Amino acid sequence: TAQPGQMGAMLAQTMWRSAATVGQYLLPFVCLAGAGMSAWRRKERQSLVANVTQNKAVDALDGISWREFEMLVGEGFRLQGYQVVETGGGGADGGVDLVLSKPSKDGGEKFLVQCKQWRAYKVGVDVVRELYGVMAAKGAAGGFVVTSGRFTDEAVSFASGRNVTLVDGPKLHGFLQQAKAAADRSPARAPLLHSAQTVEAS
């Protein structure tokens, strides 16, 4: 028989036992649901890349939402062998939408990506300057500003000679096609950073 002072402890023990019993069935279900959601999102990204790369027209990017645009860009980097973290943009991160990394013995390098699905007007120098400042603050090795539209001459001039790569709509379309073709041919993937800089200089 429980004493009056022991009732609280007994009730807490009973609640913990009940929670443990439910948890042993609930936890596997939660893990399974998470794995299913991850697989579904992966398939959605792959479908986006396939749809865009199969369309030969440069305006293939015009019919997708801003969220799909970010997913598309992220998948393009994944095809190049990067680990991609989607930050959602905005807030204290300075508008950074993706953080890229490649594991290595020395810890690897970090690259920041800002996505701008701006078709109505050109991306200006303020956007590029903002990303460059965030890169310096976070110690990133490089950065990308990716848009479905174009960049102003001032933005291009500011990025020139800095470790910021500007990727407009036509270049992004080409990158995705190259990345998908390379991934289909071989598991070995070259960094998109190198491809981006090469195209930017051409």
N, C-alpha and C. Protein backbone atom coordinates (compact mmCIF):
# COMPACT_ATOMS: atom_id res chain seq x y z
N THR A 1 0.84 -1.19 0.00
CA THR A 1 0.00 0.00 0.00
C THR A 1 0.88 1.24 0.00
N ALA A 2 0.60 2.17 -0.89
CA ALA A 2 1.42 3.37 -1.00
C ALA A 2 1.07 4.35 0.10
N GLN A 3 2.10 4.95 0.64
CA GLN A 3 1.91 6.00 1.62
C GLN A 3 1.54 7.30 0.89
N PRO A 4 0.90 8.24 1.59
CA PRO A 4 0.48 9.49 0.93
C PRO A 4 1.62 10.22 0.24
N GLY A 5 2.81 10.21 0.80
CA GLY A 5 3.94 10.93 0.20
C GLY A 5 4.52 10.22 -1.01
N GLN A 6 4.15 8.94 -1.22
CA GLN A 6 4.70 8.15 -2.32
C GLN A 6 3.82 8.17 -3.57
N MET A 7 2.65 8.73 -3.47
CA MET A 7 1.71 8.70 -4.60
C MET A 7 2.28 9.39 -5.84
N GLY A 8 2.95 10.53 -5.63
CA GLY A 8 3.50 11.27 -6.77
C GLY A 8 4.57 10.47 -7.50
N ALA A 9 5.47 9.82 -6.73
CA ALA A 9 6.54 9.01 -7.33
C ALA A 9 5.97 7.83 -8.08
N MET A 10 4.94 7.17 -7.50
CA MET A 10 4.33 6.03 -8.17
C MET A 10 3.64 6.45 -9.47
N LEU A 11 2.99 7.61 -9.44
CA LEU A 11 2.32 8.10 -10.64
C LEU A 11 3.33 8.42 -11.73
N ALA A 12 4.46 9.01 -11.34
CA ALA A 12 5.50 9.34 -12.33
C ALA A 12 6.08 8.07 -12.95
N GLN A 13 6.32 7.05 -12.11
CA GLN A 13 6.85 5.78 -12.62
C GLN A 13 5.88 5.12 -13.60
N THR A 14 4.60 5.18 -13.24
CA THR A 14 3.58 4.60 -14.13
C THR A 14 3.55 5.31 -15.47
N MET A 15 3.65 6.64 -15.43
CA MET A 15 3.64 7.41 -16.68
C MET A 15 4.87 7.10 -17.53
N TRP A 16 6.05 6.97 -16.88
CA TRP A 16 7.27 6.65 -17.63
C TRP A 16 7.17 5.27 -18.28
N ARG A 17 6.62 4.31 -17.54
CA ARG A 17 6.47 2.96 -18.11
C ARG A 17 5.53 2.98 -19.31
N SER A 18 4.45 3.74 -19.19
CA SER A 18 3.50 3.83 -20.30
C SER A 18 4.14 4.48 -21.51
N ALA A 19 4.91 5.56 -21.26
CA ALA A 19 5.58 6.26 -22.37
C ALA A 19 6.59 5.35 -23.05
N ALA A 20 7.33 4.56 -22.24
CA ALA A 20 8.32 3.65 -22.81
C ALA A 20 7.65 2.57 -23.66
N THR A 21 6.52 2.07 -23.19
CA THR A 21 5.78 1.04 -23.93
C THR A 21 5.30 1.58 -25.27
N VAL A 22 4.72 2.79 -25.24
CA VAL A 22 4.25 3.41 -26.49
C VAL A 22 5.43 3.75 -27.40
N GLY A 23 6.52 4.24 -26.79
CA GLY A 23 7.67 4.68 -27.58
C GLY A 23 8.33 3.58 -28.37
N GLN A 24 8.36 2.35 -27.81
CA GLN A 24 9.02 1.25 -28.52
C GLN A 24 8.30 0.89 -29.82
N TYR A 25 7.02 1.26 -29.92
CA TYR A 25 6.27 1.04 -31.16
C TYR A 25 6.25 2.29 -32.04
N LEU A 26 6.24 3.45 -31.36
CA LEU A 26 6.12 4.71 -32.10
C LEU A 26 7.42 5.12 -32.78
N LEU A 27 8.56 4.90 -32.11
CA LEU A 27 9.85 5.34 -32.65
C LEU A 27 10.18 4.72 -34.00
N PRO A 28 10.03 3.38 -34.16
CA PRO A 28 10.29 2.81 -35.50
C PRO A 28 9.39 3.39 -36.58
N PHE A 29 8.13 3.67 -36.21
CA PHE A 29 7.21 4.25 -37.17
C PHE A 29 7.67 5.64 -37.60
N VAL A 30 8.12 6.45 -36.63
CA VAL A 30 8.62 7.79 -36.94
C VAL A 30 9.84 7.73 -37.85
N CYS A 31 10.76 6.81 -37.54
CA CYS A 31 11.97 6.64 -38.37
C CYS A 31 11.60 6.21 -39.79
N LEU A 32 10.65 5.29 -39.89
CA LEU A 32 10.22 4.81 -41.20
C LEU A 32 9.56 5.93 -42.00
N ALA A 33 8.73 6.74 -41.32
CA ALA A 33 8.07 7.86 -41.99
C ALA A 33 9.10 8.89 -42.46
N GLY A 34 10.13 9.14 -41.64
CA GLY A 34 11.19 10.07 -42.03
C GLY A 34 11.95 9.58 -43.24
N ALA A 35 12.26 8.28 -43.27
CA ALA A 35 12.97 7.71 -44.41
C ALA A 35 12.12 7.80 -45.67
N GLY A 36 10.81 7.56 -45.51
CA GLY A 36 9.91 7.65 -46.66
C GLY A 36 9.83 9.06 -47.20
N MET A 37 9.76 10.05 -46.31
CA MET A 37 9.71 11.45 -46.72
C MET A 37 11.00 11.85 -47.43
N SER A 38 12.14 11.40 -46.91
CA SER A 38 13.43 11.71 -47.53
C SER A 38 13.51 11.12 -48.94
N ALA A 39 13.05 9.88 -49.10
CA ALA A 39 13.06 9.24 -50.41
C ALA A 39 12.13 9.95 -51.38
N TRP A 40 10.98 10.40 -50.88
CA TRP A 40 10.03 11.11 -51.74
C TRP A 40 10.61 12.44 -52.22
N ARG A 41 11.27 13.18 -51.31
CA ARG A 41 11.87 14.46 -51.70
C ARG A 41 13.03 14.25 -52.67
N ARG A 42 13.79 13.19 -52.47
CA ARG A 42 14.89 12.88 -53.39
C ARG A 42 14.34 12.60 -54.79
N LYS A 43 13.26 11.83 -54.85
CA LYS A 43 12.65 11.52 -56.15
C LYS A 43 12.11 12.78 -56.80
N GLU A 44 11.55 13.68 -55.99
CA GLU A 44 11.03 14.94 -56.52
C GLU A 44 12.15 15.79 -57.12
N ARG A 45 13.30 15.83 -56.43
CA ARG A 45 14.45 16.58 -56.96
C ARG A 45 14.95 15.98 -58.27
N GLN A 46 15.06 14.67 -58.29
CA GLN A 46 15.54 14.00 -59.50
C GLN A 46 14.58 14.23 -60.67
N SER A 47 13.28 14.23 -60.37
CA SER A 47 12.29 14.48 -61.41
C SER A 47 12.42 15.89 -61.96
N LEU A 48 12.67 16.86 -61.09
CA LEU A 48 12.87 18.24 -61.53
C LEU A 48 14.05 18.35 -62.48
N VAL A 49 15.17 17.74 -62.10
CA VAL A 49 16.37 17.78 -62.95
C VAL A 49 16.09 17.13 -64.29
N ALA A 50 15.43 15.98 -64.27
CA ALA A 50 15.13 15.27 -65.51
C ALA A 50 14.24 16.11 -66.43
N ASN A 51 13.23 16.75 -65.86
CA ASN A 51 12.32 17.56 -66.67
C ASN A 51 13.03 18.75 -67.31
N VAL A 52 13.90 19.40 -66.54
CA VAL A 52 14.60 20.58 -67.05
C VAL A 52 15.65 20.19 -68.09
N THR A 53 16.41 19.14 -67.82
CA THR A 53 17.49 18.76 -68.73
C THR A 53 16.95 18.15 -70.03
N GLN A 54 15.79 17.54 -69.98
CA GLN A 54 15.21 16.97 -71.20
C GLN A 54 14.62 18.05 -72.09
N ASN A 55 14.32 19.20 -71.50
CA ASN A 55 13.79 20.32 -72.27
C ASN A 55 14.96 21.13 -72.82
N LYS A 56 15.08 21.21 -74.11
CA LYS A 56 16.21 21.89 -74.74
C LYS A 56 16.10 23.41 -74.65
N ALA A 57 14.91 23.91 -74.41
CA ALA A 57 14.72 25.37 -74.36
C ALA A 57 15.27 25.94 -73.07
N VAL A 58 15.90 27.11 -73.15
CA VAL A 58 16.47 27.77 -71.98
C VAL A 58 15.38 28.20 -71.00
N ASP A 59 14.18 28.49 -71.52
CA ASP A 59 13.10 28.96 -70.65
C ASP A 59 12.42 27.82 -69.90
N ALA A 60 13.07 26.64 -69.86
CA ALA A 60 12.53 25.51 -69.12
C ALA A 60 12.45 25.81 -67.63
N LEU A 61 13.23 26.80 -67.16
CA LEU A 61 13.23 27.17 -65.75
C LEU A 61 12.09 28.09 -65.38
N ASP A 62 11.40 28.62 -66.37
CA ASP A 62 10.40 29.65 -66.12
C ASP A 62 9.13 29.11 -65.47
N GLY A 63 8.84 27.83 -65.66
CA GLY A 63 7.56 27.31 -65.19
C GLY A 63 7.59 26.71 -63.80
N ILE A 64 8.71 26.87 -63.06
CA ILE A 64 8.79 26.26 -61.73
C ILE A 64 8.70 27.34 -60.65
N SER A 65 8.32 26.92 -59.45
CA SER A 65 8.19 27.85 -58.33
C SER A 65 9.57 28.16 -57.75
N TRP A 66 9.65 29.17 -56.86
CA TRP A 66 10.93 29.51 -56.24
C TRP A 66 11.45 28.35 -55.38
N ARG A 67 10.55 27.62 -54.72
CA ARG A 67 10.97 26.49 -53.91
C ARG A 67 11.53 25.38 -54.78
N GLU A 68 10.86 25.10 -55.90
CA GLU A 68 11.37 24.09 -56.82
C GLU A 68 12.70 24.53 -57.41
N PHE A 69 12.86 25.83 -57.62
CA PHE A 69 14.12 26.34 -58.15
C PHE A 69 15.26 26.05 -57.19
N GLU A 70 15.05 26.30 -55.91
CA GLU A 70 16.08 26.01 -54.91
C GLU A 70 16.39 24.52 -54.86
N MET A 71 15.35 23.69 -54.92
CA MET A 71 15.55 22.24 -54.91
C MET A 71 16.34 21.80 -56.14
N LEU A 72 16.04 22.41 -57.27
CA LEU A 72 16.72 22.08 -58.52
C LEU A 72 18.20 22.41 -58.44
N VAL A 73 18.50 23.61 -57.95
CA VAL A 73 19.90 24.03 -57.81
C VAL A 73 20.63 23.11 -56.84
N GLY A 74 19.98 22.79 -55.72
CA GLY A 74 20.59 21.90 -54.74
C GLY A 74 20.90 20.53 -55.32
N GLU A 75 19.98 20.00 -56.10
CA GLU A 75 20.20 18.69 -56.71
C GLU A 75 21.32 18.74 -57.73
N GLY A 76 21.44 19.88 -58.43
CA GLY A 76 22.55 20.04 -59.38
C GLY A 76 23.89 19.93 -58.69
N PHE A 77 24.02 20.53 -57.50
CA PHE A 77 25.26 20.42 -56.74
C PHE A 77 25.46 19.02 -56.18
N ARG A 78 24.36 18.36 -55.78
CA ARG A 78 24.48 16.99 -55.30
C ARG A 78 25.02 16.07 -56.39
N LEU A 79 24.57 16.30 -57.61
CA LEU A 79 25.06 15.49 -58.73
C LEU A 79 26.56 15.68 -58.95
N GLN A 80 27.10 16.79 -58.45
CA GLN A 80 28.53 17.06 -58.57
C GLN A 80 29.31 16.52 -57.37
N GLY A 81 28.62 15.85 -56.45
CA GLY A 81 29.30 15.24 -55.32
C GLY A 81 29.33 16.06 -54.06
N TYR A 82 28.65 17.20 -54.05
CA TYR A 82 28.60 18.02 -52.84
C TYR A 82 27.55 17.50 -51.86
N GLN A 83 27.80 17.72 -50.58
CA GLN A 83 26.77 17.57 -49.56
C GLN A 83 26.06 18.90 -49.48
N VAL A 84 24.74 18.88 -49.51
CA VAL A 84 23.95 20.11 -49.58
C VAL A 84 23.03 20.21 -48.37
N VAL A 85 23.10 21.36 -47.71
CA VAL A 85 22.17 21.65 -46.62
C VAL A 85 21.30 22.82 -47.06
N GLU A 86 20.00 22.62 -47.04
CA GLU A 86 19.06 23.68 -47.43
C GLU A 86 18.70 24.49 -46.18
N THR A 87 19.02 25.77 -46.21
CA THR A 87 18.79 26.62 -45.03
C THR A 87 17.45 27.34 -45.10
N GLY A 88 16.85 27.42 -46.27
CA GLY A 88 15.58 28.11 -46.41
C GLY A 88 15.71 29.58 -46.72
N GLY A 89 16.94 30.12 -46.67
CA GLY A 89 17.17 31.52 -47.03
C GLY A 89 16.59 32.49 -46.02
N GLY A 90 16.95 33.76 -46.18
CA GLY A 90 16.42 34.82 -45.31
C GLY A 90 17.00 34.75 -43.92
N GLY A 91 16.54 35.62 -43.06
CA GLY A 91 16.94 35.61 -41.66
C GLY A 91 18.40 36.00 -41.47
N ALA A 92 18.98 35.45 -40.39
CA ALA A 92 20.32 35.84 -39.99
C ALA A 92 21.41 35.28 -40.88
N ASP A 93 21.05 34.36 -41.79
CA ASP A 93 22.08 33.78 -42.64
C ASP A 93 22.39 34.65 -43.85
N GLY A 94 21.80 35.82 -43.95
CA GLY A 94 22.11 36.73 -45.05
C GLY A 94 21.50 36.31 -46.37
N GLY A 95 20.42 35.52 -46.31
CA GLY A 95 19.77 35.11 -47.55
C GLY A 95 20.40 33.90 -48.20
N VAL A 96 21.30 33.22 -47.52
CA VAL A 96 21.93 32.02 -48.08
C VAL A 96 20.90 30.89 -48.10
N ASP A 97 20.73 30.27 -49.26
CA ASP A 97 19.73 29.21 -49.42
C ASP A 97 20.32 27.82 -49.28
N LEU A 98 21.59 27.65 -49.68
CA LEU A 98 22.24 26.35 -49.64
C LEU A 98 23.65 26.50 -49.08
N VAL A 99 24.07 25.51 -48.30
CA VAL A 99 25.45 25.43 -47.83
C VAL A 99 26.04 24.13 -48.38
N LEU A 100 27.14 24.26 -49.11
CA LEU A 100 27.77 23.10 -49.75
C LEU A 100 29.04 22.72 -49.02
N SER A 101 29.34 21.44 -49.02
CA SER A 101 30.59 20.97 -48.43
C SER A 101 30.98 19.66 -49.09
N LYS A 102 32.29 19.40 -49.02
CA LYS A 102 32.82 18.11 -49.47
C LYS A 102 33.75 17.60 -48.39
N PRO A 103 33.41 16.49 -47.76
CA PRO A 103 34.25 15.98 -46.67
C PRO A 103 35.66 15.65 -47.15
N SER A 104 36.63 15.96 -46.31
CA SER A 104 38.02 15.61 -46.60
C SER A 104 38.77 15.45 -45.28
N LYS A 105 40.01 15.03 -45.35
CA LYS A 105 40.80 14.79 -44.14
C LYS A 105 41.02 16.07 -43.34
N ASP A 106 41.11 17.21 -44.04
CA ASP A 106 41.35 18.47 -43.33
C ASP A 106 40.05 19.19 -42.97
N GLY A 107 38.92 18.48 -43.07
CA GLY A 107 37.64 19.07 -42.68
C GLY A 107 36.81 19.56 -43.84
N GLY A 108 37.43 19.76 -45.01
CA GLY A 108 36.69 20.18 -46.18
C GLY A 108 36.42 21.67 -46.23
N GLU A 109 35.98 22.14 -47.40
CA GLU A 109 35.68 23.55 -47.60
C GLU A 109 34.17 23.75 -47.68
N LYS A 110 33.77 24.98 -47.34
CA LYS A 110 32.35 25.32 -47.34
C LYS A 110 32.08 26.37 -48.41
N PHE A 111 30.98 26.19 -49.15
CA PHE A 111 30.57 27.13 -50.18
C PHE A 111 29.12 27.55 -49.90
N LEU A 112 28.82 28.81 -50.13
CA LEU A 112 27.47 29.33 -49.89
C LEU A 112 26.78 29.63 -51.21
N VAL A 113 25.49 29.37 -51.26
CA VAL A 113 24.72 29.56 -52.49
C VAL A 113 23.50 30.42 -52.19
N GLN A 114 23.29 31.42 -53.03
CA GLN A 114 22.08 32.23 -52.94
C GLN A 114 21.32 32.06 -54.25
N CYS A 115 20.04 31.69 -54.15
CA CYS A 115 19.21 31.44 -55.33
C CYS A 115 18.24 32.61 -55.53
N LYS A 116 18.15 33.08 -56.77
CA LYS A 116 17.24 34.17 -57.09
C LYS A 116 16.48 33.80 -58.36
N GLN A 117 15.24 33.43 -58.19
CA GLN A 117 14.43 33.12 -59.37
C GLN A 117 13.77 34.42 -59.86
N TRP A 118 14.59 35.28 -60.44
CA TRP A 118 14.14 36.58 -60.92
C TRP A 118 14.17 36.58 -62.44
N ARG A 119 13.02 36.54 -63.05
CA ARG A 119 12.96 36.55 -64.51
C ARG A 119 12.57 37.93 -65.04
N ALA A 120 11.89 38.71 -64.19
CA ALA A 120 11.36 40.00 -64.66
C ALA A 120 12.45 41.06 -64.74
N TYR A 121 13.48 40.95 -63.89
CA TYR A 121 14.54 41.95 -63.92
C TYR A 121 15.86 41.30 -63.54
N LYS A 122 16.95 42.02 -63.76
CA LYS A 122 18.28 41.45 -63.55
C LYS A 122 18.68 41.51 -62.07
N VAL A 123 19.51 40.56 -61.67
CA VAL A 123 20.05 40.53 -60.32
C VAL A 123 21.16 41.57 -60.23
N GLY A 124 21.05 42.48 -59.27
CA GLY A 124 21.99 43.58 -59.16
C GLY A 124 23.19 43.28 -58.26
N VAL A 125 24.05 44.26 -58.16
CA VAL A 125 25.31 44.11 -57.42
C VAL A 125 25.07 43.97 -55.92
N ASP A 126 23.99 44.53 -55.40
CA ASP A 126 23.73 44.45 -53.96
C ASP A 126 23.62 43.01 -53.48
N VAL A 127 22.98 42.16 -54.29
CA VAL A 127 22.83 40.75 -53.93
C VAL A 127 24.19 40.06 -53.87
N VAL A 128 25.04 40.35 -54.86
CA VAL A 128 26.37 39.73 -54.91
C VAL A 128 27.24 40.24 -53.77
N ARG A 129 27.15 41.53 -53.50
CA ARG A 129 27.94 42.12 -52.42
C ARG A 129 27.52 41.55 -51.06
N GLU A 130 26.21 41.34 -50.89
CA GLU A 130 25.71 40.77 -49.64
C GLU A 130 26.26 39.37 -49.42
N LEU A 131 26.21 38.53 -50.45
CA LEU A 131 26.73 37.17 -50.32
C LEU A 131 28.23 37.19 -50.03
N TYR A 132 28.96 38.08 -50.66
CA TYR A 132 30.41 38.16 -50.45
C TYR A 132 30.70 38.51 -48.99
N GLY A 133 29.90 39.39 -48.41
CA GLY A 133 30.08 39.74 -47.01
C GLY A 133 29.80 38.57 -46.08
N VAL A 134 28.75 37.80 -46.38
CA VAL A 134 28.41 36.63 -45.56
C VAL A 134 29.50 35.58 -45.69
N MET A 135 30.06 35.43 -46.88
CA MET A 135 31.15 34.47 -47.09
C MET A 135 32.34 34.81 -46.19
N ALA A 136 32.69 36.09 -46.14
CA ALA A 136 33.82 36.52 -45.31
C ALA A 136 33.52 36.28 -43.83
N ALA A 137 32.29 36.56 -43.41
CA ALA A 137 31.91 36.40 -42.01
C ALA A 137 31.91 34.94 -41.58
N LYS A 138 31.53 34.05 -42.49
CA LYS A 138 31.42 32.63 -42.15
C LYS A 138 32.65 31.83 -42.57
N GLY A 139 33.64 32.48 -43.17
CA GLY A 139 34.85 31.78 -43.58
C GLY A 139 34.65 30.79 -44.70
N ALA A 140 33.74 31.10 -45.61
CA ALA A 140 33.47 30.20 -46.75
C ALA A 140 34.56 30.33 -47.80
N ALA A 141 34.86 29.22 -48.46
CA ALA A 141 35.90 29.22 -49.50
C ALA A 141 35.42 29.86 -50.79
N GLY A 142 34.12 29.88 -51.01
CA GLY A 142 33.58 30.45 -52.24
C GLY A 142 32.08 30.56 -52.16
N GLY A 143 31.49 31.15 -53.19
CA GLY A 143 30.05 31.30 -53.19
C GLY A 143 29.48 31.34 -54.60
N PHE A 144 28.20 31.10 -54.70
CA PHE A 144 27.49 31.11 -55.97
C PHE A 144 26.21 31.95 -55.82
N VAL A 145 25.95 32.78 -56.80
CA VAL A 145 24.64 33.41 -56.92
C VAL A 145 24.02 32.82 -58.17
N VAL A 146 22.89 32.15 -58.00
CA VAL A 146 22.25 31.44 -59.11
C VAL A 146 20.89 32.05 -59.38
N THR A 147 20.63 32.38 -60.63
CA THR A 147 19.35 32.97 -61.00
C THR A 147 18.83 32.33 -62.28
N SER A 148 17.52 32.37 -62.43
CA SER A 148 16.93 31.90 -63.68
C SER A 148 16.94 33.01 -64.72
N GLY A 149 17.29 34.22 -64.28
CA GLY A 149 17.34 35.37 -65.20
C GLY A 149 18.76 35.75 -65.57
N ARG A 150 19.08 37.04 -65.39
CA ARG A 150 20.38 37.57 -65.78
C ARG A 150 20.96 38.44 -64.67
N PHE A 151 22.21 38.88 -64.84
CA PHE A 151 22.89 39.77 -63.91
C PHE A 151 23.18 41.11 -64.57
N THR A 152 23.20 42.17 -63.76
CA THR A 152 23.58 43.47 -64.29
C THR A 152 25.09 43.49 -64.54
N ASP A 153 25.51 44.43 -65.37
CA ASP A 153 26.95 44.57 -65.65
C ASP A 153 27.73 44.88 -64.38
N GLU A 154 27.13 45.67 -63.48
CA GLU A 154 27.79 46.02 -62.23
C GLU A 154 28.01 44.79 -61.35
N ALA A 155 27.02 43.89 -61.33
CA ALA A 155 27.15 42.66 -60.55
C ALA A 155 28.27 41.79 -61.11
N VAL A 156 28.33 41.68 -62.43
CA VAL A 156 29.37 40.89 -63.08
C VAL A 156 30.74 41.48 -62.79
N SER A 157 30.84 42.80 -62.82
CA SER A 157 32.11 43.48 -62.56
C SER A 157 32.57 43.25 -61.12
N PHE A 158 31.64 43.32 -60.17
CA PHE A 158 32.00 43.12 -58.76
C PHE A 158 32.49 41.69 -58.52
N ALA A 159 31.84 40.70 -59.13
CA ALA A 159 32.21 39.30 -58.92
C ALA A 159 33.52 38.93 -59.58
N SER A 160 33.90 39.70 -60.60
CA SER A 160 35.12 39.39 -61.34
C SER A 160 36.34 39.51 -60.43
N GLY A 161 37.16 38.47 -60.40
CA GLY A 161 38.36 38.47 -59.58
C GLY A 161 38.11 38.07 -58.14
N ARG A 162 36.86 37.86 -57.76
CA ARG A 162 36.53 37.39 -56.42
C ARG A 162 36.07 35.94 -56.52
N ASN A 163 36.01 35.29 -55.36
CA ASN A 163 35.61 33.87 -55.35
C ASN A 163 34.09 33.71 -55.31
N VAL A 164 33.41 34.54 -56.11
CA VAL A 164 31.97 34.45 -56.27
C VAL A 164 31.67 34.13 -57.74
N THR A 165 30.93 33.07 -57.96
CA THR A 165 30.57 32.66 -59.32
C THR A 165 29.12 33.01 -59.59
N LEU A 166 28.88 33.71 -60.68
CA LEU A 166 27.52 34.07 -61.07
C LEU A 166 27.01 33.08 -62.10
N VAL A 167 25.84 32.52 -61.83
CA VAL A 167 25.26 31.52 -62.73
C VAL A 167 23.87 32.01 -63.14
N ASP A 168 23.74 32.39 -64.42
CA ASP A 168 22.44 32.85 -64.91
C ASP A 168 21.63 31.68 -65.47
N GLY A 169 20.45 31.97 -66.01
CA GLY A 169 19.56 30.92 -66.48
C GLY A 169 20.17 29.99 -67.52
N PRO A 170 20.72 30.54 -68.62
CA PRO A 170 21.33 29.66 -69.63
C PRO A 170 22.47 28.82 -69.09
N LYS A 171 23.32 29.41 -68.23
CA LYS A 171 24.44 28.65 -67.68
C LYS A 171 23.95 27.55 -66.75
N LEU A 172 22.93 27.85 -65.94
CA LEU A 172 22.37 26.84 -65.04
C LEU A 172 21.80 25.67 -65.83
N HIS A 173 21.11 25.98 -66.90
CA HIS A 173 20.54 24.93 -67.75
C HIS A 173 21.65 24.04 -68.29
N GLY A 174 22.75 24.66 -68.72
CA GLY A 174 23.89 23.89 -69.22
C GLY A 174 24.56 23.08 -68.13
N PHE A 175 24.72 23.67 -66.94
CA PHE A 175 25.34 22.95 -65.82
C PHE A 175 24.56 21.70 -65.46
N LEU A 176 23.23 21.84 -65.42
CA LEU A 176 22.40 20.70 -65.05
C LEU A 176 22.52 19.58 -66.07
N GLN A 177 22.56 19.95 -67.33
CA GLN A 177 22.71 18.93 -68.37
C GLN A 177 24.06 18.23 -68.24
N GLN A 178 25.15 19.01 -68.02
CA GLN A 178 26.48 18.42 -67.86
C GLN A 178 26.55 17.54 -66.62
N ALA A 179 25.98 18.03 -65.51
CA ALA A 179 26.05 17.28 -64.25
C ALA A 179 25.29 15.97 -64.35
N LYS A 180 24.10 16.00 -64.95
CA LYS A 180 23.31 14.78 -65.08
C LYS A 180 24.00 13.78 -66.01
N ALA A 181 24.55 14.28 -67.11
CA ALA A 181 25.25 13.40 -68.05
C ALA A 181 26.47 12.77 -67.39
N ALA A 182 27.23 13.56 -66.62
CA ALA A 182 28.42 13.03 -65.94
C ALA A 182 28.04 12.02 -64.87
N ALA A 183 26.97 12.30 -64.14
CA ALA A 183 26.52 11.37 -63.09
C ALA A 183 26.01 10.07 -63.71
N ASP A 184 25.38 10.15 -64.88
CA ASP A 184 24.88 8.95 -65.55
C ASP A 184 26.02 8.09 -66.08
N ARG A 185 27.12 8.77 -66.49
CA ARG A 185 28.25 8.04 -67.08
C ARG A 185 29.13 7.40 -66.03
N SER A 186 29.37 8.11 -64.93
CA SER A 186 30.35 7.63 -63.96
C SER A 186 30.00 8.14 -62.58
N PRO A 187 30.31 7.35 -61.53
CA PRO A 187 30.09 7.82 -60.16
C PRO A 187 31.08 8.90 -59.75
N ALA A 188 32.20 9.01 -60.46
CA ALA A 188 33.19 10.05 -60.16
C ALA A 188 32.69 11.37 -60.71
N ARG A 189 32.64 12.39 -59.87
CA ARG A 189 32.06 13.66 -60.26
C ARG A 189 33.04 14.80 -60.00
N ALA A 190 33.18 15.70 -60.95
CA ALA A 190 34.03 16.87 -60.77
C ALA A 190 33.25 17.98 -60.11
N PRO A 191 33.89 18.80 -59.27
CA PRO A 191 33.17 19.87 -58.58
C PRO A 191 32.54 20.85 -59.55
N LEU A 192 31.32 21.26 -59.26
CA LEU A 192 30.62 22.25 -60.07
C LEU A 192 31.33 23.59 -60.03
N LEU A 193 32.08 23.85 -58.93
CA LEU A 193 32.82 25.11 -58.82
C LEU A 193 33.74 25.29 -60.01
N HIS A 194 34.45 24.26 -60.39
CA HIS A 194 35.36 24.35 -61.52
C HIS A 194 34.62 24.58 -62.81
N SER A 195 33.51 23.86 -62.99
CA SER A 195 32.70 24.03 -64.19
C SER A 195 32.15 25.45 -64.29
N ALA A 196 31.68 25.96 -63.15
CA ALA A 196 31.09 27.30 -63.13
C ALA A 196 32.11 28.35 -63.50
N GLN A 197 33.32 28.25 -62.93
CA GLN A 197 34.34 29.22 -63.23
C GLN A 197 34.77 29.16 -64.68
N THR A 198 34.81 27.95 -65.24
CA THR A 198 35.20 27.81 -66.63
C THR A 198 34.18 28.47 -67.56
N VAL A 199 32.90 28.24 -67.30
CA VAL A 199 31.87 28.82 -68.15
C VAL A 199 31.82 30.33 -67.98
N GLU A 200 32.01 30.76 -66.72
CA GLU A 200 31.95 32.20 -66.44
C GLU A 200 33.04 32.95 -67.22
N ALA A 201 34.21 32.29 -67.36
CA ALA A 201 35.31 32.95 -68.04
C ALA A 201 35.17 32.93 -69.55
N SER A 202 34.33 32.01 -70.05
CA SER A 202 34.19 31.86 -71.50
C SER A 202 33.28 32.91 -72.10
